Amino acid sequence: MENHLNQNKILLTGASGFIGGHIVEHLLRQGFAVRCLVRRQVQLPAPPNTQDLLETAVGDITDPSSLTEALSGVHTVVHLVGIIRETPRATFQRIHVEGTGNLLAAATRAGVKRFFYMSGLGARPKARSRYHQTKWEAEELVRASGLQYVIFRPSVVFGPRGDFVNTLVDLVTRGPIIPIVGNGRTPMQPVWIGDLVQAVEKTLTSPELWNQTWEIGGPNQLSFEEMIDTVAEVLGIRKPKLHIPIPVMRPAALMLQFLTPNPPITLDQLIMLQEPNICDPQTLPEKFGIDPVGFRDGLLRYLRRN
């Protein structure tokens, strides 16, 4: 274990999420000292013999006064907090934009040197979805902060405990047919969680990767329907498919947003399902030295039933 890793303490937000949990575990195994920002005091799991490298600090990115102590002695912030659907108390604007702004301001006051931000592929000005709009606004705050920064824009991330593939599994396994939203042709580039966490680690130890925005995708560009077909094939399931037109889905999604606190699909997600989510497949091998795992091979690592 290298001493310099312990000296450069990391504050990580979003440790309880799918991506955050995997990143924390990986960084601890590699000897990084990680302090996780949590909204209430909890005992986070840690790999064997790494508990001394893990701390928690109670705070909330929407409460600027709670961030000062959490950032004390921190060299690098890894900001992973994000939401895919809104609630009255947690909107895209409040979490993505205002929360990131609060954390940047507190980090600057605390003397933090570097800021890593997890955005999303498709973030851009004048995006159709509020998710992508607010991720872009947060990116702009990061770039203008004066701190050294790295921004990752991953495509859909898959792996153990991931919601995206769990949703595809539900579509495949429930009911007599497999529903496909729209024409199913929207291309995506799923990235294996293990490759993403390796890229994060590589960034933390490679100064040449900083002050840049990286679009991260896996080796396969697949349509939404091809991803569904791959999940079904790995699970050994054969069923007829039914395409549901977007004009039919839209009013249903709107109604579900009002009727349930956790709708299966929102209007914003419906918009994103119609937009290509692909990037240069050579970024991981050429810039990060990672041989990325394909979608089917990744699924076989954890999804196939015995």
C-alpha atoms as a PDB file:
ATOM      1  CA  MET A   1       0.000   0.000   0.000  1.00  0.00           C
ATOM      2  CA  GLU A   2       1.484   3.325  -1.055  1.00  0.00           C
ATOM      3  CA  ASN A   3       1.667   6.049   1.578  1.00  0.00           C
ATOM      4  CA  HIS A   4       0.822   8.841  -0.863  1.00  0.00           C
ATOM      5  CA  LEU A   5      -2.613   7.325  -1.431  1.00  0.00           C
ATOM      6  CA  ASN A   6      -3.470   7.694   2.253  1.00  0.00           C
ATOM      7  CA  GLN A   7      -2.195  11.262   2.347  1.00  0.00           C
ATOM      8  CA  ASN A   8      -4.474  12.352  -0.515  1.00  0.00           C
ATOM      9  CA  LYS A   9      -7.819  11.838   1.199  1.00  0.00           C
ATOM     10  CA  ILE A  10     -10.888  11.575  -0.998  1.00  0.00           C
ATOM     11  CA  LEU A  11     -14.373  12.794  -0.129  1.00  0.00           C
ATOM     12  CA  LEU A  12     -16.864  10.709  -2.090  1.00  0.00           C
ATOM     13  CA  THR A  13     -20.558  11.457  -2.478  1.00  0.00           C
ATOM     14  CA  GLY A  14     -23.128   8.882  -3.530  1.00  0.00           C
ATOM     15  CA  ALA A  15     -21.498   5.923  -1.784  1.00  0.00           C
ATOM     16  CA  SER A  16     -24.849   4.209  -1.217  1.00  0.00           C
ATOM     17  CA  GLY A  17     -25.663   4.107  -4.934  1.00  0.00           C
ATOM     18  CA  PHE A  18     -24.884   1.397  -7.475  1.00  0.00           C
ATOM     19  CA  ILE A  19     -21.873   3.138  -9.023  1.00  0.00           C
ATOM     20  CA  GLY A  20     -20.711   4.690  -5.755  1.00  0.00           C
ATOM     21  CA  GLY A  21     -20.735   1.409  -3.857  1.00  0.00           C
ATOM     22  CA  HIS A  22     -18.555  -0.273  -6.475  1.00  0.00           C
ATOM     23  CA  ILE A  23     -16.135   2.666  -6.637  1.00  0.00           C
ATOM     24  CA  VAL A  24     -15.719   2.841  -2.850  1.00  0.00           C
ATOM     25  CA  GLU A  25     -15.005  -0.879  -2.639  1.00  0.00           C
ATOM     26  CA  HIS A  26     -12.464  -0.718  -5.467  1.00  0.00           C
ATOM     27  CA  LEU A  27     -10.640   2.348  -4.136  1.00  0.00           C
ATOM     28  CA  LEU A  28     -10.367   0.847  -0.659  1.00  0.00           C
ATOM     29  CA  ARG A  29      -8.900  -2.344  -2.122  1.00  0.00           C
ATOM     30  CA  GLN A  30      -6.321  -0.203  -3.944  1.00  0.00           C
ATOM     31  CA  GLY A  31      -5.297   1.553  -0.710  1.00  0.00           C
ATOM     32  CA  PHE A  32      -7.046   4.912  -1.098  1.00  0.00           C
ATOM     33  CA  ALA A  33      -8.286   6.701   2.020  1.00  0.00           C
ATOM     34  CA  VAL A  34     -11.976   7.462   1.398  1.00  0.00           C
ATOM     35  CA  ARG A  35     -14.376   9.589   3.416  1.00  0.00           C
ATOM     36  CA  CYS A  36     -17.992   9.084   2.350  1.00  0.00           C
ATOM     37  CA  LEU A  37     -20.557  11.836   2.688  1.00  0.00           C
ATOM     38  CA  VAL A  38     -23.749  10.331   4.124  1.00  0.00           C
ATOM     39  CA  ARG A  39     -27.020  11.986   5.105  1.00  0.00           C
ATOM     40  CA  ARG A  40     -27.258   9.967   8.323  1.00  0.00           C
ATOM     41  CA  GLN A  41     -24.663   8.019  10.258  1.00  0.00           C
ATOM     42  CA  VAL A  42     -24.392   4.491   8.878  1.00  0.00           C
ATOM     43  CA  GLN A  43     -21.827   1.703   8.888  1.00  0.00           C
ATOM     44  CA  LEU A  44     -20.740   1.293   5.286  1.00  0.00           C
ATOM     45  CA  PRO A  45     -19.409  -2.101   4.182  1.00  0.00           C
ATOM     46  CA  ALA A  46     -15.703  -2.357   3.462  1.00  0.00           C
ATOM     47  CA  PRO A  47     -13.542  -5.147   2.032  1.00  0.00           C
ATOM     48  CA  PRO A  48     -11.467  -7.151   4.532  1.00  0.00           C
ATOM     49  CA  ASN A  49      -8.515  -5.277   6.047  1.00  0.00           C
ATOM     50  CA  THR A  50      -9.596  -1.893   4.644  1.00  0.00           C
ATOM     51  CA  GLN A  51     -11.867  -0.568   7.409  1.00  0.00           C
ATOM     52  CA  ASP A  52      -9.128   1.771   8.659  1.00  0.00           C
ATOM     53  CA  LEU A  53      -9.160   3.517   5.253  1.00  0.00           C
ATOM     54  CA  LEU A  54     -12.904   4.242   5.347  1.00  0.00           C
ATOM     55  CA  GLU A  55     -14.582   7.169   7.117  1.00  0.00           C
ATOM     56  CA  THR A  56     -18.066   8.622   7.034  1.00  0.00           C
ATOM     57  CA  ALA A  57     -19.091  12.250   7.431  1.00  0.00           C
ATOM     58  CA  VAL A  58     -22.697  13.302   7.925  1.00  0.00           C
ATOM     59  CA  GLY A  59     -23.758  16.000   5.488  1.00  0.00           C
ATOM     60  CA  ASP A  60     -26.018  16.854   2.580  1.00  0.00           C
ATOM     61  CA  ILE A  61     -25.085  18.600  -0.658  1.00  0.00           C
ATOM     62  CA  THR A  62     -28.325  20.605  -0.435  1.00  0.00           C
ATOM     63  CA  ASP A  63     -27.222  22.003   2.975  1.00  0.00           C
ATOM     64  CA  PRO A  64     -24.033  24.055   2.498  1.00  0.00           C
ATOM     65  CA  SER A  65     -23.420  24.425   6.249  1.00  0.00           C
ATOM     66  CA  SER A  66     -23.112  20.639   6.612  1.00  0.00           C
ATOM     67  CA  LEU A  67     -20.187  20.343   4.187  1.00  0.00           C
ATOM     68  CA  THR A  68     -17.405  22.256   5.932  1.00  0.00           C
ATOM     69  CA  GLU A  69     -16.341  19.573   8.395  1.00  0.00           C
ATOM     70  CA  ALA A  70     -16.721  16.803   5.817  1.00  0.00           C
ATOM     71  CA  LEU A  71     -14.187  18.525   3.539  1.00  0.00           C
ATOM     72  CA  SER A  72     -11.555  19.146   6.194  1.00  0.00           C
ATOM     73  CA  GLY A  73      -8.218  17.720   5.080  1.00  0.00           C
ATOM     74  CA  VAL A  74      -9.606  16.511   1.763  1.00  0.00           C
ATOM     75  CA  HIS A  75      -7.437  16.629  -1.358  1.00  0.00           C
ATOM     76  CA  THR A  76      -9.906  15.292  -3.983  1.00  0.00           C
ATOM     77  CA  VAL A  77     -13.687  15.250  -4.227  1.00  0.00           C
ATOM     78  CA  VAL A  78     -15.338  12.433  -6.187  1.00  0.00           C
ATOM     79  CA  HIS A  79     -18.901  13.649  -6.737  1.00  0.00           C
ATOM     80  CA  LEU A  80     -21.229  10.859  -7.843  1.00  0.00           C
ATOM     81  CA  VAL A  81     -24.611  11.980  -6.507  1.00  0.00           C
ATOM     82  CA  GLY A  82     -27.314  12.038  -9.144  1.00  0.00           C
ATOM     83  CA  ILE A  83     -30.962  11.149  -9.552  1.00  0.00           C
ATOM     84  CA  ILE A  84     -32.773   9.624 -12.514  1.00  0.00           C
ATOM     85  CA  ARG A  85     -36.272  10.612 -11.405  1.00  0.00           C
ATOM     86  CA  GLU A  86     -37.502  13.613  -9.453  1.00  0.00           C
ATOM     87  CA  THR A  87     -39.526  13.962  -6.272  1.00  0.00           C
ATOM     88  CA  PRO A  88     -40.987  17.174  -4.830  1.00  0.00           C
ATOM     89  CA  ARG A  89     -37.989  17.477  -2.459  1.00  0.00           C
ATOM     90  CA  ALA A  90     -35.307  16.170  -4.821  1.00  0.00           C
ATOM     91  CA  THR A  91     -35.527  17.791  -8.233  1.00  0.00           C
ATOM     92  CA  PHE A  92     -32.894  17.677 -10.959  1.00  0.00           C
ATOM     93  CA  GLN A  93     -32.236  21.377 -10.402  1.00  0.00           C
ATOM     94  CA  ARG A  94     -31.791  21.018  -6.659  1.00  0.00           C
ATOM     95  CA  ILE A  95     -29.612  17.897  -6.710  1.00  0.00           C
ATOM     96  CA  HIS A  96     -27.599  18.214  -9.913  1.00  0.00           C
ATOM     97  CA  VAL A  97     -27.122  21.974 -10.165  1.00  0.00           C
ATOM     98  CA  GLU A  98     -27.586  23.523  -6.736  1.00  0.00           C
ATOM     99  CA  GLY A  99     -26.072  20.567  -4.891  1.00  0.00           C
ATOM    100  CA  THR A 100     -22.991  20.508  -7.118  1.00  0.00           C
ATOM    101  CA  GLY A 101     -22.639  24.283  -6.729  1.00  0.00           C
ATOM    102  CA  ASN A 102     -22.800  23.980  -2.941  1.00  0.00           C
ATOM    103  CA  LEU A 103     -20.152  21.260  -2.931  1.00  0.00           C
ATOM    104  CA  LEU A 104     -17.849  23.198  -5.264  1.00  0.00           C
ATOM    105  CA  ALA A 105     -18.079  26.345  -3.130  1.00  0.00           C
ATOM    106  CA  ALA A 106     -17.377  24.431   0.072  1.00  0.00           C
ATOM    107  CA  ALA A 107     -14.506  22.534  -1.578  1.00  0.00           C
ATOM    108  CA  THR A 108     -12.916  25.777  -2.723  1.00  0.00           C
ATOM    109  CA  ARG A 109     -13.141  27.259   0.784  1.00  0.00           C
ATOM    110  CA  ALA A 110     -11.624  24.087   2.261  1.00  0.00           C
ATOM    111  CA  GLY A 111      -8.616  24.165  -0.075  1.00  0.00           C
ATOM    112  CA  VAL A 112      -9.547  21.049  -2.049  1.00  0.00           C
ATOM    113  CA  LYS A 113      -7.300  20.639  -5.088  1.00  0.00           C
ATOM    114  CA  ARG A 114      -9.267  18.379  -7.441  1.00  0.00           C
ATOM    115  CA  PHE A 115     -12.901  17.687  -8.292  1.00  0.00           C
ATOM    116  CA  PHE A 116     -14.171  14.608 -10.151  1.00  0.00           C
ATOM    117  CA  TYR A 117     -17.753  14.836 -11.449  1.00  0.00           C
ATOM    118  CA  MET A 118     -19.862  11.949 -12.740  1.00  0.00           C
ATOM    119  CA  SER A 119     -22.156  13.353 -15.413  1.00  0.00           C
ATOM    120  CA  GLY A 120     -23.967  11.398 -18.103  1.00  0.00           C
ATOM    121  CA  LEU A 121     -23.591  10.737 -21.807  1.00  0.00           C
ATOM    122  CA  GLY A 122     -25.949  13.108 -23.576  1.00  0.00           C
ATOM    123  CA  ALA A 123     -25.390  16.058 -21.245  1.00  0.00           C
ATOM    124  CA  ARG A 124     -25.390  19.155 -23.428  1.00  0.00           C
ATOM    125  CA  PRO A 125     -26.883  22.628 -23.694  1.00  0.00           C
ATOM    126  CA  LYS A 126     -30.504  22.715 -24.872  1.00  0.00           C
ATOM    127  CA  ALA A 127     -30.965  18.976 -24.318  1.00  0.00           C
ATOM    128  CA  ARG A 128     -34.559  17.749 -24.511  1.00  0.00           C
ATOM    129  CA  SER A 129     -34.498  15.993 -21.129  1.00  0.00           C
ATOM    130  CA  ARG A 130     -34.199  17.847 -17.845  1.00  0.00           C
ATOM    131  CA  TYR A 131     -31.761  15.186 -16.650  1.00  0.00           C
ATOM    132  CA  HIS A 132     -29.298  16.028 -19.416  1.00  0.00           C
ATOM    133  CA  GLN A 133     -29.917  19.764 -19.149  1.00  0.00           C
ATOM    134  CA  THR A 134     -29.096  19.845 -15.444  1.00  0.00           C
ATOM    135  CA  LYS A 135     -26.109  17.531 -15.791  1.00  0.00           C
ATOM    136  CA  TRP A 136     -24.746  19.996 -18.364  1.00  0.00           C
ATOM    137  CA  GLU A 137     -25.365  22.952 -16.043  1.00  0.00           C
ATOM    138  CA  ALA A 138     -23.501  21.137 -13.278  1.00  0.00           C
ATOM    139  CA  GLU A 139     -20.617  20.408 -15.668  1.00  0.00           C
ATOM    140  CA  GLU A 140     -20.361  24.096 -16.469  1.00  0.00           C
ATOM    141  CA  LEU A 141     -20.103  24.914 -12.771  1.00  0.00           C
ATOM    142  CA  VAL A 142     -17.306  22.370 -12.396  1.00  0.00           C
ATOM    143  CA  ARG A 143     -15.372  23.724 -15.381  1.00  0.00           C
ATOM    144  CA  ALA A 144     -15.708  27.302 -14.111  1.00  0.00           C
ATOM    145  CA  SER A 145     -14.734  26.481 -10.517  1.00  0.00           C
ATOM    146  CA  GLY A 146     -10.996  27.081 -10.854  1.00  0.00           C
ATOM    147  CA  LEU A 147     -10.296  23.617  -9.412  1.00  0.00           C
ATOM    148  CA  GLN A 148      -8.559  20.871 -11.316  1.00  0.00           C
ATOM    149  CA  TYR A 149     -11.391  18.764 -12.655  1.00  0.00           C
ATOM    150  CA  VAL A 150     -12.359  15.627 -14.522  1.00  0.00           C
ATOM    151  CA  ILE A 151     -15.836  14.981 -15.880  1.00  0.00           C
ATOM    152  CA  PHE A 152     -16.993  11.500 -16.848  1.00  0.00           C
ATOM    153  CA  ARG A 153     -20.003  11.021 -19.114  1.00  0.00           C
ATOM    154  CA  PRO A 154     -20.766   7.294 -19.052  1.00  0.00           C
ATOM    155  CA  SER A 155     -23.352   5.584 -21.196  1.00  0.00           C
ATOM    156  CA  VAL A 156     -25.682   3.177 -19.366  1.00  0.00           C
ATOM    157  CA  VAL A 157     -23.683   1.334 -16.692  1.00  0.00           C
ATOM    158  CA  PHE A 158     -24.410  -2.321 -15.964  1.00  0.00           C
ATOM    159  CA  GLY A 159     -23.268  -4.852 -13.416  1.00  0.00           C
ATOM    160  CA  PRO A 160     -24.274  -6.461 -10.116  1.00  0.00           C
ATOM    161  CA  ARG A 161     -26.856  -4.377  -8.209  1.00  0.00           C
ATOM    162  CA  GLY A 162     -27.440  -2.107 -11.213  1.00  0.00           C
ATOM    163  CA  ASP A 163     -30.963  -0.816 -11.807  1.00  0.00           C
ATOM    164  CA  PHE A 164     -30.707  -0.643 -15.599  1.00  0.00           C
ATOM    165  CA  VAL A 165     -30.242  -4.341 -16.250  1.00  0.00           C
ATOM    166  CA  ASN A 166     -32.641  -5.176 -13.411  1.00  0.00           C
ATOM    167  CA  THR A 167     -35.261  -3.225 -15.361  1.00  0.00           C
ATOM    168  CA  LEU A 168     -34.466  -5.181 -18.525  1.00  0.00           C
ATOM    169  CA  VAL A 169     -34.701  -8.435 -16.568  1.00  0.00           C
ATOM    170  CA  ASP A 170     -38.149  -7.413 -15.309  1.00  0.00           C
ATOM    171  CA  LEU A 171     -39.281  -6.676 -18.864  1.00  0.00           C
ATOM    172  CA  VAL A 172     -38.040 -10.070 -20.023  1.00  0.00           C
ATOM    173  CA  THR A 173     -39.284 -12.217 -17.145  1.00  0.00           C
ATOM    174  CA  ARG A 174     -42.670 -10.724 -16.270  1.00  0.00           C
ATOM    175  CA  GLY A 175     -45.769 -11.561 -18.236  1.00  0.00           C
ATOM    176  CA  PRO A 176     -46.338 -13.560 -21.407  1.00  0.00           C
ATOM    177  CA  ILE A 177     -44.742 -10.977 -23.739  1.00  0.00           C
ATOM    178  CA  ILE A 178     -41.690  -8.705 -23.692  1.00  0.00           C
ATOM    179  CA  PRO A 179     -42.721  -5.049 -24.086  1.00  0.00           C
ATOM    180  CA  ILE A 180     -40.426  -2.800 -26.156  1.00  0.00           C
ATOM    181  CA  VAL A 181     -40.767   0.963 -25.836  1.00  0.00           C
ATOM    182  CA  GLY A 182     -41.068   2.587 -29.255  1.00  0.00           C
ATOM    183  CA  ASN A 183     -39.259   1.037 -32.196  1.00  0.00           C
ATOM    184  CA  GLY A 184     -36.434  -0.276 -30.002  1.00  0.00           C
ATOM    185  CA  ARG A 185     -33.765   1.014 -32.385  1.00  0.00           C
ATOM    186  CA  THR A 186     -32.145   3.653 -30.152  1.00  0.00           C
ATOM    187  CA  PRO A 187     -28.418   2.784 -29.947  1.00  0.00           C
ATOM    188  CA  MET A 188     -26.689   2.560 -26.570  1.00  0.00           C
ATOM    189  CA  GLN A 189     -23.196   1.608 -25.482  1.00  0.00           C
ATOM    190  CA  PRO A 190     -23.405  -0.183 -22.123  1.00  0.00           C
ATOM    191  CA  VAL A 191     -20.269   0.008 -19.983  1.00  0.00           C
ATOM    192  CA  TRP A 192     -19.378  -2.674 -17.446  1.00  0.00           C
ATOM    193  CA  ILE A 193     -19.188  -1.330 -13.882  1.00  0.00           C
ATOM    194  CA  GLY A 194     -15.764  -2.915 -13.372  1.00  0.00           C
ATOM    195  CA  ASP A 195     -14.363  -0.990 -16.338  1.00  0.00           C
ATOM    196  CA  LEU A 196     -15.851   2.269 -15.091  1.00  0.00           C
ATOM    197  CA  VAL A 197     -14.341   1.929 -11.615  1.00  0.00           C
ATOM    198  CA  GLN A 198     -10.952   1.090 -13.110  1.00  0.00           C
ATOM    199  CA  ALA A 199     -11.190   4.247 -15.217  1.00  0.00           C
ATOM    200  CA  VAL A 200     -11.962   6.287 -12.096  1.00  0.00           C
ATOM    201  CA  GLU A 201      -8.911   4.841 -10.331  1.00  0.00           C
ATOM    202  CA  LYS A 202      -6.726   5.499 -13.383  1.00  0.00           C
ATOM    203  CA  THR A 203      -7.886   9.122 -13.398  1.00  0.00           C
ATOM    204  CA  LEU A 204      -7.009   9.638  -9.725  1.00  0.00           C
ATOM    205  CA  THR A 205      -3.399   8.625 -10.365  1.00  0.00           C
ATOM    206  CA  SER A 206      -2.890  10.159 -13.839  1.00  0.00           C
ATOM    207  CA  PRO A 207      -2.477  13.960 -13.973  1.00  0.00           C
ATOM    208  CA  GLU A 208      -2.592  13.921 -17.790  1.00  0.00           C
ATOM    209  CA  LEU A 209      -6.264  12.900 -17.686  1.00  0.00           C
ATOM    210  CA  TRP A 210      -7.356  15.966 -15.700  1.00  0.00           C
ATOM    211  CA  ASN A 211      -9.025  19.165 -16.910  1.00  0.00           C
ATOM    212  CA  GLN A 212     -10.884  17.172 -19.546  1.00  0.00           C
ATOM    213  CA  THR A 213     -14.324  15.673 -20.160  1.00  0.00           C
ATOM    214  CA  TRP A 214     -14.360  11.981 -21.021  1.00  0.00           C
ATOM    215  CA  GLU A 215     -17.234  10.134 -22.697  1.00  0.00           C
ATOM    216  CA  ILE A 216     -17.169   6.534 -21.470  1.00  0.00           C
ATOM    217  CA  GLY A 217     -18.812   3.616 -23.240  1.00  0.00           C
ATOM    218  CA  GLY A 218     -18.298  -0.107 -23.648  1.00  0.00           C
ATOM    219  CA  PRO A 219     -17.119  -1.936 -26.789  1.00  0.00           C
ATOM    220  CA  ASN A 220     -20.617  -2.711 -28.141  1.00  0.00           C
ATOM    221  CA  GLN A 221     -23.100  -0.281 -29.674  1.00  0.00           C
ATOM    222  CA  LEU A 222     -26.455  -2.017 -29.359  1.00  0.00           C
ATOM    223  CA  SER A 223     -30.022  -0.967 -29.948  1.00  0.00           C
ATOM    224  CA  PHE A 224     -32.381  -1.072 -26.992  1.00  0.00           C
ATOM    225  CA  GLU A 225     -34.082  -4.109 -28.528  1.00  0.00           C
ATOM    226  CA  GLU A 226     -30.755  -5.865 -29.050  1.00  0.00           C
ATOM    227  CA  MET A 227     -29.991  -5.348 -25.369  1.00  0.00           C
ATOM    228  CA  ILE A 228     -33.352  -6.852 -24.439  1.00  0.00           C
ATOM    229  CA  ASP A 229     -32.648  -9.798 -26.769  1.00  0.00           C
ATOM    230  CA  THR A 230     -29.234 -10.333 -25.160  1.00  0.00           C
ATOM    231  CA  VAL A 231     -30.698 -10.385 -21.646  1.00  0.00           C
ATOM    232  CA  ALA A 232     -33.358 -12.875 -22.772  1.00  0.00           C
ATOM    233  CA  GLU A 233     -30.751 -15.076 -24.436  1.00  0.00           C
ATOM    234  CA  VAL A 234     -28.492 -15.094 -21.359  1.00  0.00           C
ATOM    235  CA  LEU A 235     -31.473 -15.984 -19.159  1.00  0.00           C
ATOM    236  CA  GLY A 236     -32.641 -18.662 -21.578  1.00  0.00           C
ATOM    237  CA  ILE A 237     -36.042 -17.042 -22.098  1.00  0.00           C
ATOM    238  CA  ARG A 238     -37.971 -17.021 -25.369  1.00  0.00           C
ATOM    239  CA  LYS A 239     -41.141 -14.948 -25.598  1.00  0.00           C
ATOM    240  CA  PRO A 240     -42.884 -12.855 -28.233  1.00  0.00           C
ATOM    241  CA  LYS A 241     -42.172  -9.118 -28.184  1.00  0.00           C
ATOM    242  CA  LEU A 242     -44.634  -6.267 -28.427  1.00  0.00           C
ATOM    243  CA  HIS A 243     -43.629  -2.753 -29.507  1.00  0.00           C
ATOM    244  CA  ILE A 244     -45.538  -0.039 -27.657  1.00  0.00           C
ATOM    245  CA  PRO A 245     -45.655   3.254 -29.615  1.00  0.00           C
ATOM    246  CA  ILE A 246     -44.251   6.335 -27.901  1.00  0.00           C
ATOM    247  CA  PRO A 247     -47.558   8.271 -28.277  1.00  0.00           C
ATOM    248  CA  VAL A 248     -49.210   5.510 -26.250  1.00  0.00           C
ATOM    249  CA  MET A 249     -46.476   5.479 -23.615  1.00  0.00           C
ATOM    250  CA  ARG A 250     -46.409   9.246 -23.084  1.00  0.00           C
ATOM    251  CA  PRO A 251     -49.815   9.712 -21.385  1.00  0.00           C
ATOM    252  CA  ALA A 252     -49.264   6.518 -19.382  1.00  0.00           C
ATOM    253  CA  ALA A 253     -45.910   7.808 -18.101  1.00  0.00           C
ATOM    254  CA  LEU A 254     -47.462  11.153 -17.218  1.00  0.00           C
ATOM    255  CA  MET A 255     -50.255   9.491 -15.266  1.00  0.00           C
ATOM    256  CA  LEU A 256     -47.866   7.160 -13.408  1.00  0.00           C
ATOM    257  CA  GLN A 257     -45.715  10.105 -12.320  1.00  0.00           C
ATOM    258  CA  PHE A 258     -48.683  11.485 -10.406  1.00  0.00           C
ATOM    259  CA  LEU A 259     -50.043   8.174  -9.106  1.00  0.00           C
ATOM    260  CA  THR A 260     -46.890   6.575  -7.690  1.00  0.00           C
ATOM    261  CA  PRO A 261     -43.746   7.907  -5.972  1.00  0.00           C
ATOM    262  CA  ASN A 262     -41.564   5.448  -7.898  1.00  0.00           C
ATOM    263  CA  PRO A 263     -43.004   5.114 -11.409  1.00  0.00           C
ATOM    264  CA  PRO A 264     -41.561   2.456 -13.740  1.00  0.00           C
ATOM    265  CA  ILE A 265     -40.858   5.142 -16.338  1.00  0.00           C
ATOM    266  CA  THR A 266     -41.055   8.939 -16.376  1.00  0.00           C
ATOM    267  CA  LEU A 267     -41.536  11.409 -19.209  1.00  0.00           C
ATOM    268  CA  ASP A 268     -37.878  12.399 -18.920  1.00  0.00           C
ATOM    269  CA  GLN A 269     -36.745   8.792 -19.209  1.00  0.00           C
ATOM    270  CA  LEU A 270     -39.048   8.326 -22.181  1.00  0.00           C
ATOM    271  CA  ILE A 271     -37.282  11.211 -23.911  1.00  0.00           C
ATOM    272  CA  MET A 272     -33.859   9.701 -23.177  1.00  0.00           C
ATOM    273  CA  LEU A 273     -34.925   6.297 -24.495  1.00  0.00           C
ATOM    274  CA  GLN A 274     -35.437   7.937 -27.890  1.00  0.00           C
ATOM    275  CA  GLU A 275     -31.972   9.533 -28.050  1.00  0.00           C
ATOM    276  CA  PRO A 276     -28.753   7.788 -29.153  1.00  0.00           C
ATOM    277  CA  ASN A 277     -26.398   7.180 -26.216  1.00  0.00           C
ATOM    278  CA  ILE A 278     -23.105   6.272 -27.883  1.00  0.00           C
ATOM    279  CA  CYS A 279     -19.526   7.550 -27.996  1.00  0.00           C
ATOM    280  CA  ASP A 280     -16.041   6.616 -29.212  1.00  0.00           C
ATOM    281  CA  PRO A 281     -15.489   2.942 -28.232  1.00  0.00           C
ATOM    282  CA  GLN A 282     -11.703   3.431 -28.264  1.00  0.00           C
ATOM    283  CA  THR A 283     -11.580   5.824 -25.301  1.00  0.00           C
ATOM    284  CA  LEU A 284     -11.237   3.134 -22.623  1.00  0.00           C
ATOM    285  CA  PRO A 285      -8.523   1.087 -24.380  1.00  0.00           C
ATOM    286  CA  GLU A 286      -6.566   4.006 -25.829  1.00  0.00           C
ATOM    287  CA  LYS A 287      -6.798   6.624 -23.064  1.00  0.00           C
ATOM    288  CA  PHE A 288      -7.225   4.478 -19.950  1.00  0.00           C
ATOM    289  CA  GLY A 289      -5.475   1.239 -20.911  1.00  0.00           C
ATOM    290  CA  ILE A 290      -8.617  -0.829 -20.240  1.00  0.00           C
ATOM    291  CA  ASP A 291      -9.787  -3.734 -22.384  1.00  0.00           C
ATOM    292  CA  PRO A 292     -13.534  -3.250 -21.925  1.00  0.00           C
ATOM    293  CA  VAL A 293     -15.993  -6.040 -21.206  1.00  0.00           C
ATOM    294  CA  GLY A 294     -18.759  -6.551 -23.758  1.00  0.00           C
ATOM    295  CA  PHE A 295     -22.419  -6.482 -22.801  1.00  0.00           C
ATOM    296  CA  ARG A 296     -23.085 -10.204 -23.203  1.00  0.00           C
ATOM    297  CA  ASP A 297     -19.844 -11.219 -21.470  1.00  0.00           C
ATOM    298  CA  GLY A 298     -20.625  -8.905 -18.573  1.00  0.00           C
ATOM    299  CA  LEU A 299     -24.124 -10.344 -18.184  1.00  0.00           C
ATOM    300  CA  LEU A 300     -22.704 -13.868 -18.139  1.00  0.00           C
ATOM    301  CA  ARG A 301     -20.526 -12.933 -15.155  1.00  0.00           C
ATOM    302  CA  TYR A 302     -23.471 -12.438 -12.838  1.00  0.00           C
ATOM    303  CA  LEU A 303     -26.843 -12.919 -14.490  1.00  0.00           C
ATOM    304  CA  ARG A 304     -26.982 -16.415 -15.920  1.00  0.00           C
ATOM    305  CA  ARG A 305     -29.134 -18.761 -13.857  1.00  0.00           C
ATOM    306  CA  ASN A 306     -27.643 -22.091 -12.787  1.00  0.00           C
END
